Amino acid sequence: MLNAVELTLVQSLAQFLSYAILAVFAENVIFSRALGMSSLLRLVDDPDSKTWQYCGPVILVQLGSAPLGWAAHNLFFPWLRGYLPTWLPIAALRPLVYLSCSTVVMALVWVALGGFPRATRQIYRAQLPGATYNCCVLGTLLICANQNFTLLQTLGFGLGSGLGYLFAVLIVDEGRRRLRSKDVPAIFRGLPSSLIYVGILSLAIYGLVGHAVSV
């Protein structure tokens, strides 16, 4: 039998994993909301780009921004509301504050990369700004705030959103490779076939799981 502390830890871990899995599949940032679609298509279309070189920073920034976004929504905004003029709604400042949270995390990741070998450090640092200001990062923070997730749920959803972006890149990259077949009409090759492929995947996921979380 588990004691009260162990049961709480198990329940917390289960909740964290369930929200991470939700963000990877049912609420995938690409297939559910098309957040970061333009950067994804550029990534899979560039033969010189390596998936992990871009998605690694996205995952780190998503995970690091999650607790800062939660603190901003639950601690900073209630305090700030009393100092704002009546004509300025707090919602108007949310994107700016969340982008600031991501910028802080980007700076921390930039410093942390200093411990990596020079070649690896330069590669990841080159991708870090684009990964930080990817709209999927801002979208994740806004979703968590709109749904009033707890800190644990926000952490799980943040990690899952980063992993979900990696999952989407791998799926779309494989589909893009297969769609280069000569059996595909020339007019559909490239971007048109990729958009149709992503649309079909999105509809399939929507049909299987529905839309559990709404903005």
N, C-alpha and C. Protein backbone atom coordinates (compact mmCIF):
# COMPACT_ATOMS: atom_id res chain seq x y z
N MET A 1 0.83 -1.20 0.00
CA MET A 1 0.00 0.00 0.00
C MET A 1 0.87 1.26 0.00
N LEU A 2 0.45 2.24 -0.77
CA LEU A 2 1.17 3.50 -0.81
C LEU A 2 0.68 4.41 0.31
N ASN A 3 1.64 5.10 0.94
CA ASN A 3 1.23 6.07 1.94
C ASN A 3 0.76 7.35 1.24
N ALA A 4 0.32 8.33 2.04
CA ALA A 4 -0.28 9.54 1.47
C ALA A 4 0.70 10.31 0.60
N VAL A 5 1.97 10.38 1.03
CA VAL A 5 2.97 11.13 0.27
C VAL A 5 3.26 10.43 -1.06
N GLU A 6 3.44 9.12 -1.00
CA GLU A 6 3.71 8.37 -2.23
C GLU A 6 2.54 8.44 -3.20
N LEU A 7 1.32 8.36 -2.67
CA LEU A 7 0.14 8.45 -3.53
C LEU A 7 0.05 9.81 -4.21
N THR A 8 0.37 10.85 -3.45
CA THR A 8 0.36 12.20 -4.03
C THR A 8 1.39 12.34 -5.14
N LEU A 9 2.57 11.77 -4.90
CA LEU A 9 3.63 11.83 -5.93
C LEU A 9 3.21 11.08 -7.18
N VAL A 10 2.60 9.91 -7.01
CA VAL A 10 2.15 9.12 -8.16
C VAL A 10 1.08 9.87 -8.93
N GLN A 11 0.13 10.46 -8.20
CA GLN A 11 -0.94 11.22 -8.86
C GLN A 11 -0.38 12.44 -9.60
N SER A 12 0.61 13.10 -8.99
CA SER A 12 1.21 14.26 -9.64
C SER A 12 1.95 13.86 -10.90
N LEU A 13 2.69 12.74 -10.82
CA LEU A 13 3.41 12.26 -12.00
C LEU A 13 2.44 11.86 -13.10
N ALA A 14 1.35 11.20 -12.72
CA ALA A 14 0.36 10.79 -13.72
C ALA A 14 -0.27 12.01 -14.38
N GLN A 15 -0.55 13.04 -13.59
CA GLN A 15 -1.13 14.26 -14.16
C GLN A 15 -0.15 14.95 -15.10
N PHE A 16 1.11 15.02 -14.69
CA PHE A 16 2.14 15.63 -15.53
C PHE A 16 2.25 14.89 -16.87
N LEU A 17 2.32 13.58 -16.81
CA LEU A 17 2.47 12.78 -18.04
C LEU A 17 1.21 12.86 -18.91
N SER A 18 0.05 12.90 -18.28
CA SER A 18 -1.18 12.95 -19.07
C SER A 18 -1.29 14.26 -19.84
N TYR A 19 -0.88 15.37 -19.24
CA TYR A 19 -0.93 16.65 -19.95
C TYR A 19 0.17 16.74 -21.00
N ALA A 20 1.31 16.09 -20.74
CA ALA A 20 2.36 16.05 -21.75
C ALA A 20 1.89 15.25 -22.97
N ILE A 21 1.27 14.10 -22.72
CA ILE A 21 0.77 13.26 -23.82
C ILE A 21 -0.35 13.98 -24.56
N LEU A 22 -1.21 14.69 -23.81
CA LEU A 22 -2.27 15.48 -24.44
C LEU A 22 -1.69 16.50 -25.42
N ALA A 23 -0.60 17.16 -25.01
CA ALA A 23 0.01 18.18 -25.86
C ALA A 23 0.73 17.58 -27.06
N VAL A 24 1.24 16.37 -26.92
CA VAL A 24 1.95 15.73 -28.04
C VAL A 24 0.98 15.29 -29.12
N PHE A 25 -0.14 14.72 -28.73
CA PHE A 25 -1.04 14.11 -29.71
C PHE A 25 -2.36 14.88 -29.87
N ALA A 26 -3.22 14.87 -28.86
CA ALA A 26 -4.56 15.44 -29.01
C ALA A 26 -4.51 16.95 -29.24
N GLU A 27 -3.57 17.64 -28.59
CA GLU A 27 -3.48 19.09 -28.72
C GLU A 27 -2.14 19.50 -29.33
N ASN A 28 -1.70 18.76 -30.31
CA ASN A 28 -0.44 19.06 -30.98
C ASN A 28 -0.49 20.46 -31.58
N VAL A 29 0.56 21.25 -31.32
CA VAL A 29 0.54 22.65 -31.74
C VAL A 29 0.42 22.81 -33.26
N ILE A 30 0.94 21.85 -34.00
CA ILE A 30 0.87 21.91 -35.47
C ILE A 30 -0.47 21.40 -35.96
N PHE A 31 -0.85 20.20 -35.56
CA PHE A 31 -2.02 19.55 -36.13
C PHE A 31 -3.34 20.08 -35.57
N SER A 32 -3.32 20.68 -34.38
CA SER A 32 -4.55 21.20 -33.80
C SER A 32 -4.75 22.69 -34.08
N ARG A 33 -3.64 23.46 -34.11
CA ARG A 33 -3.77 24.91 -34.23
C ARG A 33 -2.85 25.53 -35.28
N ALA A 34 -2.06 24.74 -35.95
CA ALA A 34 -1.16 25.23 -37.00
C ALA A 34 -0.20 26.30 -36.48
N LEU A 35 0.17 26.22 -35.20
CA LEU A 35 1.12 27.16 -34.63
C LEU A 35 2.53 26.74 -35.01
N GLY A 36 3.29 27.64 -35.61
CA GLY A 36 4.65 27.30 -36.03
C GLY A 36 4.72 26.56 -37.35
N MET A 37 3.64 26.60 -38.10
CA MET A 37 3.60 25.86 -39.37
C MET A 37 4.63 26.39 -40.37
N SER A 38 4.76 27.71 -40.47
CA SER A 38 5.67 28.27 -41.46
C SER A 38 7.11 27.87 -41.19
N SER A 39 7.51 27.91 -39.91
CA SER A 39 8.89 27.51 -39.58
C SER A 39 9.08 26.02 -39.79
N LEU A 40 8.05 25.22 -39.55
CA LEU A 40 8.16 23.78 -39.78
C LEU A 40 8.38 23.48 -41.26
N LEU A 41 7.61 24.14 -42.12
CA LEU A 41 7.75 23.89 -43.55
C LEU A 41 9.12 24.32 -44.06
N ARG A 42 9.64 25.43 -43.52
CA ARG A 42 11.00 25.84 -43.91
C ARG A 42 12.03 24.83 -43.42
N LEU A 43 11.80 24.28 -42.25
CA LEU A 43 12.75 23.34 -41.68
C LEU A 43 12.82 22.06 -42.50
N VAL A 44 11.67 21.48 -42.84
CA VAL A 44 11.68 20.23 -43.58
C VAL A 44 12.08 20.43 -45.04
N ASP A 45 11.99 21.67 -45.53
CA ASP A 45 12.35 21.94 -46.92
C ASP A 45 13.83 22.27 -47.09
N ASP A 46 14.52 22.49 -45.97
CA ASP A 46 15.93 22.85 -46.03
C ASP A 46 16.79 21.61 -45.76
N PRO A 47 17.49 21.09 -46.78
CA PRO A 47 18.28 19.88 -46.57
C PRO A 47 19.45 20.08 -45.62
N ASP A 48 19.87 21.32 -45.42
CA ASP A 48 21.00 21.59 -44.53
C ASP A 48 20.58 21.68 -43.06
N SER A 49 19.28 21.78 -42.79
CA SER A 49 18.81 21.90 -41.41
C SER A 49 18.70 20.52 -40.77
N LYS A 50 19.11 20.43 -39.54
CA LYS A 50 19.00 19.21 -38.75
C LYS A 50 17.86 19.38 -37.75
N THR A 51 17.02 18.36 -37.67
CA THR A 51 15.82 18.46 -36.85
C THR A 51 16.14 18.82 -35.41
N TRP A 52 17.09 18.13 -34.80
CA TRP A 52 17.39 18.35 -33.39
C TRP A 52 18.03 19.72 -33.14
N GLN A 53 18.70 20.24 -34.13
CA GLN A 53 19.35 21.54 -33.95
C GLN A 53 18.31 22.65 -33.76
N TYR A 54 17.13 22.47 -34.30
CA TYR A 54 16.07 23.46 -34.14
C TYR A 54 15.08 23.06 -33.05
N CYS A 55 14.69 21.77 -33.04
CA CYS A 55 13.66 21.33 -32.10
C CYS A 55 14.19 21.21 -30.68
N GLY A 56 15.50 20.96 -30.52
CA GLY A 56 16.07 20.93 -29.17
C GLY A 56 15.85 22.24 -28.44
N PRO A 57 16.25 23.39 -29.02
CA PRO A 57 15.96 24.67 -28.37
C PRO A 57 14.47 24.94 -28.18
N VAL A 58 13.62 24.50 -29.12
CA VAL A 58 12.17 24.69 -28.95
C VAL A 58 11.69 23.98 -27.69
N ILE A 59 12.13 22.75 -27.48
CA ILE A 59 11.71 21.98 -26.30
C ILE A 59 12.19 22.66 -25.03
N LEU A 60 13.45 23.10 -25.02
CA LEU A 60 14.00 23.75 -23.83
C LEU A 60 13.27 25.04 -23.51
N VAL A 61 13.00 25.84 -24.53
CA VAL A 61 12.32 27.12 -24.30
C VAL A 61 10.87 26.89 -23.88
N GLN A 62 10.21 25.91 -24.48
CA GLN A 62 8.83 25.60 -24.09
C GLN A 62 8.77 25.21 -22.62
N LEU A 63 9.66 24.31 -22.22
CA LEU A 63 9.66 23.82 -20.84
C LEU A 63 10.04 24.93 -19.87
N GLY A 64 11.05 25.73 -20.21
CA GLY A 64 11.47 26.79 -19.32
C GLY A 64 10.48 27.93 -19.22
N SER A 65 9.76 28.21 -20.30
CA SER A 65 8.79 29.31 -20.30
C SER A 65 7.53 28.95 -19.53
N ALA A 66 7.24 27.66 -19.41
CA ALA A 66 5.98 27.24 -18.78
C ALA A 66 5.83 27.77 -17.36
N PRO A 67 6.79 27.55 -16.45
CA PRO A 67 6.60 28.06 -15.08
C PRO A 67 6.59 29.59 -15.02
N LEU A 68 7.36 30.25 -15.88
CA LEU A 68 7.35 31.72 -15.90
C LEU A 68 5.99 32.24 -16.38
N GLY A 69 5.43 31.59 -17.39
CA GLY A 69 4.11 31.97 -17.87
C GLY A 69 3.04 31.76 -16.81
N TRP A 70 3.14 30.65 -16.09
CA TRP A 70 2.18 30.38 -15.00
C TRP A 70 2.30 31.45 -13.92
N ALA A 71 3.53 31.80 -13.54
CA ALA A 71 3.73 32.82 -12.51
C ALA A 71 3.21 34.18 -12.97
N ALA A 72 3.41 34.49 -14.25
CA ALA A 72 2.91 35.77 -14.78
C ALA A 72 1.39 35.82 -14.71
N HIS A 73 0.74 34.71 -15.07
CA HIS A 73 -0.73 34.68 -15.11
C HIS A 73 -1.33 34.71 -13.71
N ASN A 74 -0.73 33.99 -12.78
CA ASN A 74 -1.34 33.82 -11.46
C ASN A 74 -0.80 34.77 -10.39
N LEU A 75 0.37 35.34 -10.61
CA LEU A 75 0.96 36.20 -9.60
C LEU A 75 1.16 37.63 -10.10
N PHE A 76 1.79 37.77 -11.28
CA PHE A 76 2.13 39.10 -11.77
C PHE A 76 0.91 39.87 -12.26
N PHE A 77 0.06 39.24 -13.06
CA PHE A 77 -1.10 39.95 -13.62
C PHE A 77 -2.09 40.41 -12.54
N PRO A 78 -2.42 39.56 -11.53
CA PRO A 78 -3.31 40.07 -10.47
C PRO A 78 -2.73 41.28 -9.74
N TRP A 79 -1.42 41.28 -9.53
CA TRP A 79 -0.79 42.43 -8.88
C TRP A 79 -0.80 43.65 -9.79
N LEU A 80 -0.53 43.44 -11.08
CA LEU A 80 -0.44 44.55 -12.02
C LEU A 80 -1.80 45.18 -12.30
N ARG A 81 -2.86 44.39 -12.21
CA ARG A 81 -4.18 44.89 -12.59
C ARG A 81 -4.57 46.13 -11.78
N GLY A 82 -4.15 46.20 -10.54
CA GLY A 82 -4.51 47.34 -9.71
C GLY A 82 -3.80 48.63 -10.08
N TYR A 83 -2.76 48.55 -10.90
CA TYR A 83 -1.99 49.73 -11.28
C TYR A 83 -2.26 50.18 -12.72
N LEU A 84 -3.04 49.43 -13.46
CA LEU A 84 -3.31 49.78 -14.85
C LEU A 84 -4.48 50.74 -14.96
N PRO A 85 -4.44 51.65 -15.92
CA PRO A 85 -5.62 52.51 -16.15
C PRO A 85 -6.78 51.69 -16.67
N THR A 86 -7.96 52.19 -16.51
CA THR A 86 -9.16 51.43 -16.88
C THR A 86 -9.24 51.18 -18.38
N TRP A 87 -8.61 52.06 -19.18
CA TRP A 87 -8.70 51.89 -20.63
C TRP A 87 -7.73 50.84 -21.16
N LEU A 88 -6.84 50.33 -20.32
CA LEU A 88 -5.85 49.34 -20.77
C LEU A 88 -6.16 47.98 -20.14
N PRO A 89 -6.76 47.06 -20.89
CA PRO A 89 -7.07 45.74 -20.33
C PRO A 89 -5.80 44.92 -20.13
N ILE A 90 -5.82 44.07 -19.13
CA ILE A 90 -4.65 43.25 -18.83
C ILE A 90 -4.34 42.29 -19.97
N ALA A 91 -5.39 41.88 -20.71
CA ALA A 91 -5.19 40.93 -21.80
C ALA A 91 -4.30 41.51 -22.90
N ALA A 92 -4.30 42.84 -23.03
CA ALA A 92 -3.48 43.47 -24.07
C ALA A 92 -2.00 43.31 -23.80
N LEU A 93 -1.63 43.10 -22.55
CA LEU A 93 -0.22 42.98 -22.18
C LEU A 93 0.26 41.53 -22.14
N ARG A 94 -0.66 40.60 -22.21
CA ARG A 94 -0.26 39.20 -22.06
C ARG A 94 0.76 38.74 -23.10
N PRO A 95 0.55 39.00 -24.41
CA PRO A 95 1.58 38.55 -25.37
C PRO A 95 2.96 39.13 -25.10
N LEU A 96 3.00 40.41 -24.74
CA LEU A 96 4.29 41.05 -24.46
C LEU A 96 4.97 40.40 -23.25
N VAL A 97 4.20 40.14 -22.21
CA VAL A 97 4.76 39.54 -21.00
C VAL A 97 5.24 38.11 -21.29
N TYR A 98 4.45 37.35 -22.03
CA TYR A 98 4.85 35.98 -22.33
C TYR A 98 6.08 35.93 -23.24
N LEU A 99 6.17 36.87 -24.18
CA LEU A 99 7.37 36.95 -25.00
C LEU A 99 8.59 37.31 -24.15
N SER A 100 8.37 38.14 -23.14
CA SER A 100 9.47 38.47 -22.21
C SER A 100 9.91 37.24 -21.43
N CYS A 101 8.95 36.41 -21.02
CA CYS A 101 9.28 35.16 -20.33
C CYS A 101 10.14 34.27 -21.22
N SER A 102 9.77 34.15 -22.48
CA SER A 102 10.54 33.33 -23.42
C SER A 102 11.94 33.91 -23.63
N THR A 103 12.04 35.24 -23.65
CA THR A 103 13.34 35.88 -23.83
C THR A 103 14.26 35.59 -22.65
N VAL A 104 13.70 35.60 -21.45
CA VAL A 104 14.49 35.27 -20.25
C VAL A 104 15.00 33.84 -20.34
N VAL A 105 14.12 32.92 -20.75
CA VAL A 105 14.53 31.52 -20.88
C VAL A 105 15.59 31.38 -21.97
N MET A 106 15.43 32.10 -23.07
CA MET A 106 16.43 32.05 -24.14
C MET A 106 17.80 32.47 -23.61
N ALA A 107 17.83 33.51 -22.79
CA ALA A 107 19.11 33.97 -22.22
C ALA A 107 19.72 32.90 -21.32
N LEU A 108 18.87 32.22 -20.53
CA LEU A 108 19.37 31.17 -19.65
C LEU A 108 19.92 29.98 -20.45
N VAL A 109 19.19 29.61 -21.51
CA VAL A 109 19.66 28.50 -22.36
C VAL A 109 20.94 28.90 -23.07
N TRP A 110 21.02 30.15 -23.51
CA TRP A 110 22.23 30.65 -24.17
C TRP A 110 23.44 30.50 -23.25
N VAL A 111 23.27 30.87 -21.99
CA VAL A 111 24.36 30.75 -21.02
C VAL A 111 24.69 29.28 -20.76
N ALA A 112 23.64 28.45 -20.61
CA ALA A 112 23.86 27.03 -20.34
C ALA A 112 24.61 26.34 -21.47
N LEU A 113 24.40 26.80 -22.69
CA LEU A 113 25.09 26.20 -23.84
C LEU A 113 26.59 26.48 -23.81
N GLY A 114 27.01 27.41 -22.96
CA GLY A 114 28.44 27.70 -22.85
C GLY A 114 29.25 26.52 -22.39
N GLY A 115 28.60 25.54 -21.74
CA GLY A 115 29.32 24.36 -21.29
C GLY A 115 29.46 23.28 -22.35
N PHE A 116 28.88 23.48 -23.52
CA PHE A 116 28.96 22.50 -24.60
C PHE A 116 30.20 22.76 -25.45
N PRO A 117 30.65 21.77 -26.22
CA PRO A 117 31.76 22.00 -27.16
C PRO A 117 31.43 23.14 -28.12
N ARG A 118 32.47 23.81 -28.59
CA ARG A 118 32.26 25.03 -29.37
C ARG A 118 31.40 24.81 -30.60
N ALA A 119 31.65 23.73 -31.35
CA ALA A 119 30.88 23.49 -32.57
C ALA A 119 29.40 23.28 -32.26
N THR A 120 29.12 22.47 -31.24
CA THR A 120 27.73 22.22 -30.85
C THR A 120 27.08 23.49 -30.33
N ARG A 121 27.83 24.26 -29.54
CA ARG A 121 27.31 25.50 -28.97
C ARG A 121 26.91 26.48 -30.06
N GLN A 122 27.74 26.64 -31.06
CA GLN A 122 27.45 27.58 -32.13
C GLN A 122 26.23 27.16 -32.94
N ILE A 123 26.09 25.87 -33.17
CA ILE A 123 24.95 25.38 -33.95
C ILE A 123 23.64 25.66 -33.23
N TYR A 124 23.58 25.32 -31.94
CA TYR A 124 22.35 25.50 -31.19
C TYR A 124 22.04 26.97 -30.93
N ARG A 125 23.08 27.75 -30.69
CA ARG A 125 22.85 29.18 -30.46
C ARG A 125 22.33 29.87 -31.72
N ALA A 126 22.74 29.40 -32.88
CA ALA A 126 22.26 29.99 -34.13
C ALA A 126 20.76 29.75 -34.31
N GLN A 127 20.26 28.63 -33.80
CA GLN A 127 18.85 28.29 -33.94
C GLN A 127 17.99 28.81 -32.79
N LEU A 128 18.63 29.22 -31.69
CA LEU A 128 17.90 29.57 -30.48
C LEU A 128 16.93 30.75 -30.65
N PRO A 129 17.33 31.87 -31.28
CA PRO A 129 16.36 32.98 -31.42
C PRO A 129 15.11 32.58 -32.20
N GLY A 130 15.30 31.87 -33.32
CA GLY A 130 14.14 31.45 -34.10
C GLY A 130 13.25 30.50 -33.34
N ALA A 131 13.86 29.60 -32.55
CA ALA A 131 13.08 28.66 -31.75
C ALA A 131 12.33 29.38 -30.64
N THR A 132 12.94 30.40 -30.06
CA THR A 132 12.33 31.12 -28.94
C THR A 132 11.10 31.89 -29.38
N TYR A 133 11.18 32.55 -30.51
CA TYR A 133 10.08 33.39 -30.96
C TYR A 133 9.19 32.67 -31.97
N ASN A 134 9.28 31.36 -31.99
CA ASN A 134 8.32 30.56 -32.75
C ASN A 134 6.95 30.74 -32.12
N CYS A 135 5.93 30.94 -32.93
CA CYS A 135 4.61 31.26 -32.37
C CYS A 135 4.02 30.10 -31.58
N CYS A 136 4.57 28.88 -31.74
CA CYS A 136 4.06 27.77 -30.94
C CYS A 136 4.39 27.97 -29.46
N VAL A 137 5.49 28.67 -29.16
CA VAL A 137 5.86 28.93 -27.77
C VAL A 137 4.84 29.88 -27.14
N LEU A 138 4.56 30.99 -27.82
CA LEU A 138 3.57 31.95 -27.32
C LEU A 138 2.19 31.31 -27.25
N GLY A 139 1.85 30.52 -28.26
CA GLY A 139 0.53 29.87 -28.26
C GLY A 139 0.36 28.92 -27.09
N THR A 140 1.41 28.19 -26.74
CA THR A 140 1.33 27.27 -25.61
C THR A 140 1.07 28.02 -24.31
N LEU A 141 1.77 29.13 -24.09
CA LEU A 141 1.57 29.91 -22.86
C LEU A 141 0.16 30.50 -22.81
N LEU A 142 -0.35 30.94 -23.93
CA LEU A 142 -1.70 31.50 -23.96
C LEU A 142 -2.74 30.43 -23.69
N ILE A 143 -2.55 29.23 -24.23
CA ILE A 143 -3.48 28.13 -23.99
C ILE A 143 -3.51 27.77 -22.51
N CYS A 144 -2.33 27.64 -21.92
CA CYS A 144 -2.26 27.29 -20.49
C CYS A 144 -2.93 28.35 -19.63
N ALA A 145 -2.75 29.62 -19.99
CA ALA A 145 -3.37 30.70 -19.22
C ALA A 145 -4.88 30.71 -19.39
N ASN A 146 -5.35 30.54 -20.61
CA ASN A 146 -6.79 30.56 -20.88
C ASN A 146 -7.51 29.41 -20.20
N GLN A 147 -6.81 28.27 -20.05
CA GLN A 147 -7.43 27.11 -19.42
C GLN A 147 -7.19 27.05 -17.92
N ASN A 148 -6.47 28.04 -17.38
CA ASN A 148 -6.19 28.08 -15.94
C ASN A 148 -5.54 26.79 -15.44
N PHE A 149 -4.55 26.32 -16.17
CA PHE A 149 -3.83 25.13 -15.75
C PHE A 149 -3.07 25.40 -14.46
N THR A 150 -2.91 24.36 -13.66
CA THR A 150 -2.05 24.46 -12.49
C THR A 150 -0.59 24.48 -12.96
N LEU A 151 0.32 24.73 -12.00
CA LEU A 151 1.74 24.76 -12.36
C LEU A 151 2.18 23.42 -12.93
N LEU A 152 1.76 22.32 -12.30
CA LEU A 152 2.14 21.00 -12.78
C LEU A 152 1.58 20.72 -14.16
N GLN A 153 0.32 21.07 -14.37
CA GLN A 153 -0.29 20.88 -15.69
C GLN A 153 0.39 21.74 -16.74
N THR A 154 0.76 22.96 -16.36
CA THR A 154 1.45 23.85 -17.30
C THR A 154 2.82 23.29 -17.68
N LEU A 155 3.54 22.74 -16.72
CA LEU A 155 4.85 22.14 -17.01
C LEU A 155 4.69 20.95 -17.96
N GLY A 156 3.71 20.09 -17.67
CA GLY A 156 3.49 18.94 -18.54
C GLY A 156 3.09 19.36 -19.94
N PHE A 157 2.20 20.35 -20.03
CA PHE A 157 1.74 20.81 -21.35
C PHE A 157 2.87 21.50 -22.10
N GLY A 158 3.73 22.24 -21.37
CA GLY A 158 4.86 22.89 -22.03
C GLY A 158 5.84 21.89 -22.60
N LEU A 159 6.19 20.87 -21.81
CA LEU A 159 7.09 19.83 -22.31
C LEU A 159 6.46 19.10 -23.48
N GLY A 160 5.18 18.75 -23.33
CA GLY A 160 4.49 18.03 -24.41
C GLY A 160 4.39 18.83 -25.68
N SER A 161 4.22 20.15 -25.56
CA SER A 161 4.13 20.99 -26.76
C SER A 161 5.45 20.99 -27.52
N GLY A 162 6.57 21.06 -26.77
CA GLY A 162 7.87 20.99 -27.43
C GLY A 162 8.10 19.65 -28.10
N LEU A 163 7.76 18.56 -27.39
CA LEU A 163 7.91 17.23 -27.98
C LEU A 163 6.92 17.03 -29.13
N GLY A 164 5.74 17.64 -29.00
CA GLY A 164 4.75 17.55 -30.07
C GLY A 164 5.22 18.24 -31.34
N TYR A 165 5.95 19.35 -31.17
CA TYR A 165 6.50 20.03 -32.34
C TYR A 165 7.55 19.15 -33.02
N LEU A 166 8.40 18.50 -32.21
CA LEU A 166 9.38 17.56 -32.77
C LEU A 166 8.67 16.42 -33.49
N PHE A 167 7.63 15.88 -32.88
CA PHE A 167 6.85 14.80 -33.48
C PHE A 167 6.28 15.24 -34.82
N ALA A 168 5.73 16.45 -34.88
CA ALA A 168 5.15 16.95 -36.12
C ALA A 168 6.22 17.12 -37.20
N VAL A 169 7.39 17.62 -36.82
CA VAL A 169 8.48 17.80 -37.79
C VAL A 169 8.89 16.46 -38.38
N LEU A 170 9.03 15.45 -37.54
CA LEU A 170 9.43 14.13 -38.02
C LEU A 170 8.38 13.54 -38.95
N ILE A 171 7.10 13.69 -38.58
CA ILE A 171 6.02 13.14 -39.41
C ILE A 171 5.94 13.86 -40.75
N VAL A 172 6.00 15.18 -40.71
CA VAL A 172 5.90 15.95 -41.96
C VAL A 172 7.13 15.73 -42.83
N ASP A 173 8.30 15.61 -42.21
CA ASP A 173 9.52 15.38 -42.98
C ASP A 173 9.46 14.04 -43.70
N GLU A 174 8.95 13.01 -43.01
CA GLU A 174 8.82 11.70 -43.66
C GLU A 174 7.79 11.76 -44.78
N GLY A 175 6.68 12.43 -44.53
CA GLY A 175 5.67 12.57 -45.58
C GLY A 175 6.20 13.34 -46.77
N ARG A 176 6.98 14.41 -46.49
CA ARG A 176 7.56 15.21 -47.58
C ARG A 176 8.50 14.35 -48.42
N ARG A 177 9.25 13.47 -47.77
CA ARG A 177 10.18 12.60 -48.50
C ARG A 177 9.41 11.66 -49.42
N ARG A 178 8.33 11.09 -48.92
CA ARG A 178 7.54 10.15 -49.73
C ARG A 178 6.77 10.86 -50.84
N LEU A 179 6.41 12.10 -50.61
CA LEU A 179 5.64 12.84 -51.61
C LEU A 179 6.51 13.35 -52.76
N ARG A 180 7.81 13.10 -52.70
CA ARG A 180 8.67 13.46 -53.83
C ARG A 180 8.58 12.44 -54.97
N SER A 181 7.76 11.43 -54.78
CA SER A 181 7.61 10.39 -55.79
C SER A 181 7.13 10.98 -57.12
N LYS A 182 7.58 10.37 -58.21
CA LYS A 182 7.16 10.82 -59.53
C LYS A 182 5.69 10.51 -59.80
N ASP A 183 5.08 9.66 -58.93
CA ASP A 183 3.66 9.35 -59.09
C ASP A 183 2.78 10.54 -58.69
N VAL A 184 3.35 11.47 -57.93
CA VAL A 184 2.60 12.67 -57.53
C VAL A 184 2.64 13.66 -58.69
N PRO A 185 1.51 14.17 -59.15
CA PRO A 185 1.51 15.15 -60.24
C PRO A 185 2.41 16.33 -59.93
N ALA A 186 3.09 16.83 -60.94
CA ALA A 186 4.07 17.90 -60.74
C ALA A 186 3.46 19.13 -60.08
N ILE A 187 2.20 19.41 -60.38
CA ILE A 187 1.57 20.63 -59.85
C ILE A 187 1.37 20.54 -58.34
N PHE A 188 1.35 19.31 -57.80
CA PHE A 188 1.11 19.13 -56.37
C PHE A 188 2.39 18.92 -55.58
N ARG A 189 3.51 18.81 -56.23
CA ARG A 189 4.75 18.54 -55.51
C ARG A 189 5.21 19.78 -54.74
N GLY A 190 5.89 19.52 -53.64
CA GLY A 190 6.40 20.63 -52.83
C GLY A 190 5.37 21.10 -51.82
N LEU A 191 5.18 22.41 -51.74
CA LEU A 191 4.32 23.00 -50.73
C LEU A 191 2.86 22.54 -50.81
N PRO A 192 2.23 22.47 -52.00
CA PRO A 192 0.83 22.04 -52.04
C PRO A 192 0.61 20.66 -51.43
N SER A 193 1.45 19.69 -51.82
CA SER A 193 1.27 18.34 -51.27
C SER A 193 1.54 18.31 -49.77
N SER A 194 2.48 19.12 -49.29
CA SER A 194 2.77 19.17 -47.85
C SER A 194 1.57 19.71 -47.07
N LEU A 195 0.94 20.77 -47.58
CA LEU A 195 -0.22 21.34 -46.90
C LEU A 195 -1.39 20.37 -46.90
N ILE A 196 -1.60 19.67 -48.01
CA ILE A 196 -2.67 18.68 -48.06
C ILE A 196 -2.38 17.55 -47.07
N TYR A 197 -1.12 17.12 -47.01
CA TYR A 197 -0.71 16.05 -46.09
C TYR A 197 -0.95 16.45 -44.64
N VAL A 198 -0.55 17.67 -44.26
CA VAL A 198 -0.76 18.14 -42.90
C VAL A 198 -2.25 18.28 -42.59
N GLY A 199 -3.01 18.75 -43.58
CA GLY A 199 -4.45 18.89 -43.38
C GLY A 199 -5.13 17.55 -43.13
N ILE A 200 -4.73 16.52 -43.87
CA ILE A 200 -5.31 15.19 -43.69
C ILE A 200 -4.95 14.63 -42.32
N LEU A 201 -3.69 14.82 -41.91
CA LEU A 201 -3.28 14.37 -40.58
C LEU A 201 -4.07 15.09 -39.49
N SER A 202 -4.28 16.39 -39.66
CA SER A 202 -5.02 17.16 -38.66
C SER A 202 -6.46 16.67 -38.55
N LEU A 203 -7.08 16.41 -39.69
CA LEU A 203 -8.45 15.90 -39.68
C LEU A 203 -8.52 14.52 -39.05
N ALA A 204 -7.51 13.69 -39.31
CA ALA A 204 -7.49 12.34 -38.72
C ALA A 204 -7.39 12.41 -37.20
N ILE A 205 -6.51 13.28 -36.70
CA ILE A 205 -6.36 13.43 -35.24
C ILE A 205 -7.63 14.01 -34.64
N TYR A 206 -8.21 14.98 -35.31
CA TYR A 206 -9.46 15.58 -34.83
C TYR A 206 -10.56 14.53 -34.77
N GLY A 207 -10.63 13.67 -35.78
CA GLY A 207 -11.65 12.64 -35.80
C GLY A 207 -11.49 11.59 -34.72
N LEU A 208 -10.24 11.32 -34.33
CA LEU A 208 -9.97 10.29 -33.32
C LEU A 208 -10.17 10.81 -31.90
N VAL A 209 -9.70 12.02 -31.63
CA VAL A 209 -9.70 12.49 -30.25
C VAL A 209 -10.62 13.69 -30.00
N GLY A 210 -11.14 14.32 -31.05
CA GLY A 210 -11.95 15.51 -30.85
C GLY A 210 -11.10 16.69 -30.47
N HIS A 211 -11.71 17.67 -29.84
CA HIS A 211 -10.99 18.89 -29.46
C HIS A 211 -11.18 19.11 -27.99
N ALA A 212 -10.28 18.55 -27.17
CA ALA A 212 -10.47 18.53 -25.72
C ALA A 212 -10.27 19.89 -25.08
N VAL A 213 -9.34 20.69 -25.62
CA VAL A 213 -9.01 21.98 -25.01
C VAL A 213 -9.27 23.06 -26.04
N SER A 214 -10.03 24.04 -25.67
CA SER A 214 -10.35 25.14 -26.58
C SER A 214 -9.71 26.42 -26.10
N VAL A 215 -9.32 27.27 -27.05
CA VAL A 215 -8.68 28.55 -26.69
C VAL A 215 -9.77 29.53 -26.30
